[in-house]
Each structure stands twice: as C-alpha cells, then as structure tokens.
Protein backbone atom coordinates (compact mmCIF):
# COMPACT_ATOMS: atom_id res chain seq x y z
CA UNK A 1 -7.18 43.88 31.64
CA UNK A 2 -9.31 41.65 33.87
CA UNK A 3 -12.32 43.90 33.29
CA UNK A 4 -11.71 43.66 29.55
CA UNK A 5 -11.66 39.85 29.68
CA UNK A 6 -14.90 39.80 31.65
CA UNK A 7 -16.52 42.33 29.32
CA UNK A 8 -15.44 40.36 26.24
CA UNK A 9 -16.70 37.05 27.68
CA UNK A 10 -20.07 38.46 28.76
CA UNK A 11 -20.53 40.22 25.42
CA UNK A 12 -19.64 37.10 23.43
CA UNK A 13 -22.11 34.95 25.41
CA UNK A 14 -24.84 37.58 25.09
CA UNK A 15 -24.36 37.88 21.32
CA UNK A 16 -24.40 34.09 20.88
CA UNK A 17 -27.62 33.86 22.88
CA UNK A 18 -29.20 36.76 20.95
CA UNK A 19 -28.31 35.12 17.61
CA UNK A 20 -29.33 31.61 18.64
CA UNK A 21 -31.95 31.59 15.89
CA UNK A 22 -29.28 31.41 13.19
CA UNK A 23 -26.67 28.75 12.47
CA UNK A 24 -24.83 27.73 15.66
CA UNK A 25 -21.35 28.15 14.16
CA UNK A 26 -22.24 31.54 12.65
CA UNK A 27 -23.59 32.70 16.01
CA UNK A 28 -20.36 31.61 17.71
CA UNK A 29 -18.27 33.43 15.09
CA UNK A 30 -20.25 36.67 15.50
CA UNK A 31 -20.07 36.40 19.30
CA UNK A 32 -16.30 35.88 19.26
CA UNK A 33 -15.83 38.81 16.88
CA UNK A 34 -17.82 41.26 19.02
CA UNK A 35 -16.24 39.93 22.22
CA UNK A 36 -12.73 40.38 20.82
CA UNK A 37 -13.47 44.00 19.94
CA UNK A 38 -14.58 44.70 23.51
CA UNK A 39 -11.42 43.18 25.02
CA UNK A 40 -9.25 46.36 25.01
CA UNK A 41 -12.07 48.85 25.69
CA UNK A 42 -11.43 49.33 29.47
CA UNK A 43 -7.71 49.87 28.82
CA UNK A 44 -8.45 52.44 26.10
CA UNK A 45 -10.87 54.30 28.41
CA UNK A 46 -8.33 54.31 31.25
CA UNK A 47 -5.49 55.47 28.97
CA UNK A 48 -7.59 58.24 27.42
CA UNK A 49 -8.84 59.35 30.83
CA UNK A 50 -5.24 59.87 31.98
CA UNK A 51 -4.11 61.33 28.63
CA UNK A 52 -1.55 58.55 28.13
CA UNK A 53 0.52 58.33 24.97
CA UNK A 54 -1.16 55.31 23.35
CA UNK A 55 1.67 54.70 20.89
CA UNK A 56 4.21 54.25 23.67
CA UNK A 57 1.80 52.45 26.00
CA UNK A 58 0.96 49.79 23.42
CA UNK A 59 4.41 49.69 21.77
CA UNK A 60 3.13 50.84 18.40
CA UNK A 61 6.65 51.76 17.35
CA UNK A 62 7.93 51.28 13.77
CA UNK A 63 10.31 48.45 12.86
CA UNK A 64 12.65 47.96 9.91
CA UNK A 65 11.72 46.07 6.75
CA UNK A 66 14.65 43.71 7.35
CA UNK A 67 13.24 42.77 10.77
CA UNK A 68 9.85 42.08 9.22
CA UNK A 69 11.32 39.86 6.49
CA UNK A 70 13.46 37.97 9.02
CA UNK A 71 10.39 37.27 11.15
CA UNK A 72 8.71 35.25 8.38
CA UNK A 73 10.97 32.13 8.45
CA UNK A 74 11.03 32.46 12.25
CA UNK A 75 7.22 32.35 12.34
CA UNK A 76 6.92 29.41 9.93
CA UNK A 77 9.55 27.36 11.78
CA UNK A 78 7.94 28.14 15.14
CA UNK A 79 4.52 27.09 13.84
CA UNK A 80 5.83 23.74 12.58
CA UNK A 81 7.60 22.93 15.84
CA UNK A 82 4.69 23.94 18.08
CA UNK A 83 2.35 21.92 15.87
CA UNK A 84 4.35 18.82 16.81
CA UNK A 85 4.17 19.80 20.50
CA UNK A 86 0.40 20.01 20.10
CA UNK A 87 0.23 16.56 18.46
CA UNK A 88 2.33 15.01 21.23
CA UNK A 89 0.14 16.63 23.91
CA UNK A 90 -3.06 15.36 22.30
CA UNK A 91 -1.60 11.86 21.95
CA UNK A 92 -1.05 11.82 25.72
CA UNK A 93 -4.38 13.40 26.69
CA UNK A 94 -7.01 13.17 23.97
CA UNK A 95 -9.24 16.18 23.48
CA UNK A 96 -13.01 15.64 23.99
CA UNK A 97 -15.37 15.29 21.05
CA UNK A 98 -16.66 18.85 21.55
CA UNK A 99 -13.18 20.04 20.63
CA UNK A 100 -14.14 19.58 16.96
CA UNK A 101 -16.40 22.64 17.27
CA UNK A 102 -13.27 24.80 17.25
CA UNK A 103 -12.35 23.31 13.87
CA UNK A 104 -15.83 24.15 12.56
CA UNK A 105 -15.56 27.74 13.77
CA UNK A 106 -12.27 28.01 11.87
CA UNK A 107 -13.78 26.68 8.62
CA UNK A 108 -14.84 28.98 5.76
CA UNK A 109 -18.28 28.00 4.43
CA UNK A 110 -19.75 31.30 3.18
CA UNK A 111 -18.83 35.00 2.78
CA UNK A 112 -19.63 35.78 6.43
CA UNK A 113 -17.43 32.98 7.73
CA UNK A 114 -14.69 34.06 5.29
CA UNK A 115 -14.79 37.55 6.82
CA UNK A 116 -14.61 36.06 10.30
CA UNK A 117 -11.72 33.72 9.55
CA UNK A 118 -9.59 36.10 7.49
CA UNK A 119 -10.53 39.37 9.15
CA UNK A 120 -10.82 38.27 12.76
CA UNK A 121 -8.74 35.11 13.31
CA UNK A 122 -5.80 36.20 11.17
CA UNK A 123 -5.82 40.01 11.55
CA UNK A 124 -8.09 41.55 14.20
CA UNK A 125 -7.63 39.03 17.03
CA UNK A 126 -3.81 38.86 16.74
CA UNK A 127 -3.56 42.66 16.65
CA UNK A 128 -5.82 43.22 19.67
CA UNK A 129 -4.15 40.45 21.68
CA UNK A 130 -0.69 41.80 20.91
CA UNK A 131 -1.80 45.29 21.97
CA UNK A 132 -2.92 43.92 25.30
CA UNK A 133 -0.39 41.20 26.15
CA UNK A 134 2.88 42.25 24.51
CA UNK A 135 2.18 45.97 24.35
CA UNK A 136 0.35 46.82 27.57
CA UNK A 137 0.74 43.90 30.00
CA UNK A 138 4.30 42.74 29.31
CA UNK A 139 5.57 46.30 29.15
CA UNK A 140 4.29 46.97 32.67
CA UNK A 141 5.69 43.65 33.95
CA UNK A 142 9.12 44.57 32.56
CA UNK A 143 9.06 47.71 34.69
CA UNK A 144 7.52 46.16 37.82
CA UNK A 145 9.78 43.07 37.84
CA UNK A 146 12.82 44.87 36.41
CA UNK A 147 13.47 41.46 34.83
CA UNK A 148 12.73 40.90 31.16
CA UNK A 149 12.79 37.10 31.42
CA UNK A 150 10.15 37.04 34.15
CA UNK A 151 8.03 39.56 32.28
CA UNK A 152 8.08 37.50 29.07
CA UNK A 153 7.37 34.21 30.87
CA UNK A 154 4.50 35.61 32.95
CA UNK A 155 2.86 37.43 30.05
CA UNK A 156 3.15 34.28 27.89
CA UNK A 157 1.63 32.17 30.67
CA UNK A 158 -1.28 34.59 31.11
CA UNK A 159 -1.76 34.65 27.34
CA UNK A 160 -1.92 30.82 27.24
CA UNK A 161 -4.34 30.57 30.18
CA UNK A 162 -6.87 33.11 28.86
CA UNK A 163 -7.41 30.98 25.74
CA UNK A 164 -9.17 28.49 28.06
CA UNK A 165 -7.91 25.54 26.02
CA UNK A 166 -5.79 23.08 28.04
CA UNK A 167 -5.00 21.02 24.91
CA UNK A 168 -3.25 23.99 23.29
CA UNK A 169 -1.69 25.54 26.39
CA UNK A 170 1.89 24.29 25.75
CA UNK A 171 1.80 25.35 22.11
CA UNK A 172 0.38 28.79 22.93
CA UNK A 173 2.82 29.28 25.81
CA UNK A 174 5.86 28.58 23.62
CA UNK A 175 4.60 30.89 20.88
CA UNK A 176 3.86 33.53 23.54
CA UNK A 177 7.47 33.40 24.78
CA UNK A 178 8.82 34.05 21.28
CA UNK A 179 6.31 36.85 20.70
CA UNK A 180 7.28 38.38 24.03
CA UNK A 181 10.96 38.24 23.13
CA UNK A 182 10.60 39.97 19.75
CA UNK A 183 8.29 42.60 21.26
CA UNK A 184 10.89 43.34 23.94
CA UNK A 185 13.83 43.40 21.52
CA UNK A 186 12.17 45.76 19.03
CA UNK A 187 10.13 47.65 21.64
CA UNK A 188 7.24 47.17 19.23
CA UNK A 189 4.32 44.77 18.77
CA UNK A 190 4.55 44.68 14.97
CA UNK A 191 6.91 41.70 14.74
CA UNK A 192 4.99 39.76 17.41
CA UNK A 193 1.80 40.55 15.48
CA UNK A 194 3.35 39.05 12.32
CA UNK A 195 4.32 35.88 14.23
CA UNK A 196 0.81 35.67 15.68
CA UNK A 197 -0.92 36.29 12.34
CA UNK A 198 1.24 33.76 10.43
CA UNK A 199 0.64 31.09 13.09
CA UNK A 200 -3.12 31.63 12.94
CA UNK A 201 -3.06 31.81 9.14
CA UNK A 202 -1.23 28.49 8.78
CA UNK A 203 -3.66 26.91 11.26
CA UNK A 204 -6.59 28.11 9.13
CA UNK A 205 -5.00 26.76 5.93
CA UNK A 206 -4.42 23.34 7.50
CA UNK A 207 -8.01 23.28 8.77
CA UNK A 208 -9.18 23.38 5.14
CA UNK A 209 -6.82 20.66 3.88
CA UNK A 210 -7.96 17.03 3.72
CA UNK A 211 -6.01 14.24 5.37
CA UNK A 212 -5.03 12.89 1.95
CA UNK A 213 -3.45 16.20 0.95
CA UNK A 214 -1.24 16.26 4.06
CA UNK A 215 0.76 13.15 3.22
CA UNK A 216 3.85 15.27 2.60
CA UNK A 217 3.55 16.90 6.02
CA UNK A 218 2.38 14.14 8.38
CA UNK A 219 3.92 10.83 9.43
CA UNK A 220 2.01 8.46 11.70
CA UNK A 221 -0.05 11.25 13.18
CA UNK A 222 2.94 13.50 13.78
CA UNK A 223 4.83 16.08 11.77
CA UNK A 224 7.12 14.37 9.28
CA UNK A 225 10.74 14.21 10.59
CA UNK A 226 11.93 15.90 7.39
CA UNK A 227 9.44 18.77 7.81
CA UNK A 228 10.36 18.99 11.49
CA UNK A 229 14.05 19.37 10.61
CA UNK A 230 13.10 22.08 8.10
CA UNK A 231 11.11 23.79 10.87
CA UNK A 232 14.08 23.72 13.25
CA UNK A 233 16.37 25.16 10.55
CA UNK A 234 13.84 27.88 9.71
CA UNK A 235 13.41 28.79 13.38
CA UNK A 236 17.16 28.85 14.11
CA UNK A 237 17.95 30.74 10.92
CA UNK A 238 15.05 33.11 11.44
CA UNK A 239 16.16 33.97 14.99
CA UNK A 240 19.75 34.54 13.84
CA UNK A 241 18.58 36.70 10.93
CA UNK A 242 16.14 38.61 13.12
CA UNK A 243 18.77 39.40 15.77
CA UNK A 244 21.25 40.57 13.15
CA UNK A 245 18.56 42.60 11.36
CA UNK A 246 17.32 44.38 14.47
CA UNK A 247 19.21 47.66 14.53
CA UNK A 248 20.41 49.43 17.65
CA UNK A 249 17.62 52.00 17.30
CA UNK A 250 14.98 49.27 17.51
CA UNK A 251 16.40 47.52 20.54
CA UNK A 252 14.78 47.88 23.94
CA UNK A 253 16.43 50.77 25.74
CA UNK A 254 15.22 50.13 29.27
CA UNK A 255 11.88 49.86 31.07
CA UNK A 256 10.00 53.12 31.28
CA UNK A 257 7.81 53.66 34.37
CA UNK A 258 4.12 53.77 33.55
CA UNK A 259 4.02 57.04 35.48
CA UNK A 260 6.12 58.68 32.76
CA UNK A 261 3.35 58.00 30.25
CA UNK A 262 0.68 59.61 32.39
CA UNK A 263 -0.56 63.04 31.51
CA UNK A 264 -2.64 65.15 33.83
CA UNK A 265 -5.00 63.01 35.93
CA UNK A 266 -8.69 63.72 35.45
CA UNK A 267 -9.98 66.48 37.68
CA UNK A 268 -12.33 65.57 40.46
CA UNK A 269 -15.91 65.59 39.29
CA UNK A 270 -14.96 65.69 35.59
C-alpha cells in the first residue's frame, strides 16, 4: 500500500511536469487521474503473484438492493453533517489562499474537465480508494487486531491522512468511519463506495453553485439549522434502515486470515 502511494505520487508529479505546457488546472487533473490509477498497482501485482482470490481480498461481494437504497439517505445525511464540521474547522483555522486551487480542480470548464470530475472524482477515485482502504487494508486490520472497532478507526485515520489536507481531516475521518462500518457489516465495499461517491458528487455540485443560490442551505457561513436537522434525521433514519435491510447473509461472518486467500507461492526463479 505504501509503495502504491509513492508510485501514485511520483507518477502524478511527473505527469504534471510533463504537461506543464498546457493549462495548469488541466495538467493537475490529468496528473491526479493517472496517479490514482497507479495507486492499487503494487497490490494487484502482489495478489496475482500469489494467486489470491481478488474478489475476497478486496471485498467485491454482492449486496442487496434494499441495502443500496438504504445507504442513500445515510450518505446524504452524513455529507450534510460533515460539511458543517468542515465549516467549523475552517472558521477556527482558516485555509491558505492556495486552497482555492482545489476548488478550481473540481470545476467543470470543458469536456476534458467534465470527464475528470464525473469519471474520476465521483466514480474512479472512490472505487479505487474503497478497494484499497475498506477492501484490502481494513480487512487485514480486522484479522490482525481481532477487533473491528480498532480496524475501522485505524483505516479511517490512514484514509484521512493520505489526503494530505489538514483542513478536511476531521470531515474525511468521520466519513471514513462510516464507510468502514458499512464495509464490515456487509463484508463488501459496494455500500461504502456509494457513500464515497455520493459525498464526492454533492461536493462537486456545490462547487458549481453560486453563493446566491445557496441561501436555502447556508446561514451565517454555516449549514442552516433546519438543513442540519434534516441531515441528522436522514443519517439516523438511514442507519436504522440500513441495519434492518442488511440480511444475515450479508453480515460479516468473522475475520478470515490473509493466509487462507493465498494460493501457491511463486516458485523460486519464476
């Protein structure tokens, strides 16, 4: 996982430098896209080398339609509440002016940026990150710690840190805890992927809305109390619905040692 992070970072920087002749934001978008795709490569190579069952390793197990539907209000409520956490954090410690570059990277200005925002930020990046953090990393922590709570908290913390954004760390950590919980409960990354994708999608939508059009949502620089109450109700109701909709067959049935997923090790010299 560490090698993947290094590979992704080096690749992203190299691509941005190689495309420095084009628009700065476009170069950053292309670099982030290529870097994200390289993130899981070392894990894939290792898993294939040892003939590991990728579906079980990355928790690519099916989930019920009812669980998927229940995750939608959960995701929307969670996004609203963590948005307020983010606003409170930034009111205490203001982000530097360079922080606005992130907003520019998230803005659709042409077909290429539309592909980046919709394809990468909302679909590709959430899927790859869930494969790595909730599928691969958390699953191993559950076995090594033999403690689901520790596994979820540590994987969420690692997930927040690798975003290298101290102004979003609380928001990302809280979201990571919820994504870790649903991945554990369903023994699948599909629900956590939906939470991740909806959160990113709402963030993209709000990036494209003007301040004047957010009067219904904001109040004195914070989330409107009414909207916040709606968010709490959606989150509480979504969790209740999700738990009741998650059938026995989907529930986590115990940590499986990574050794049980290993096939025949590669022969010496092969």
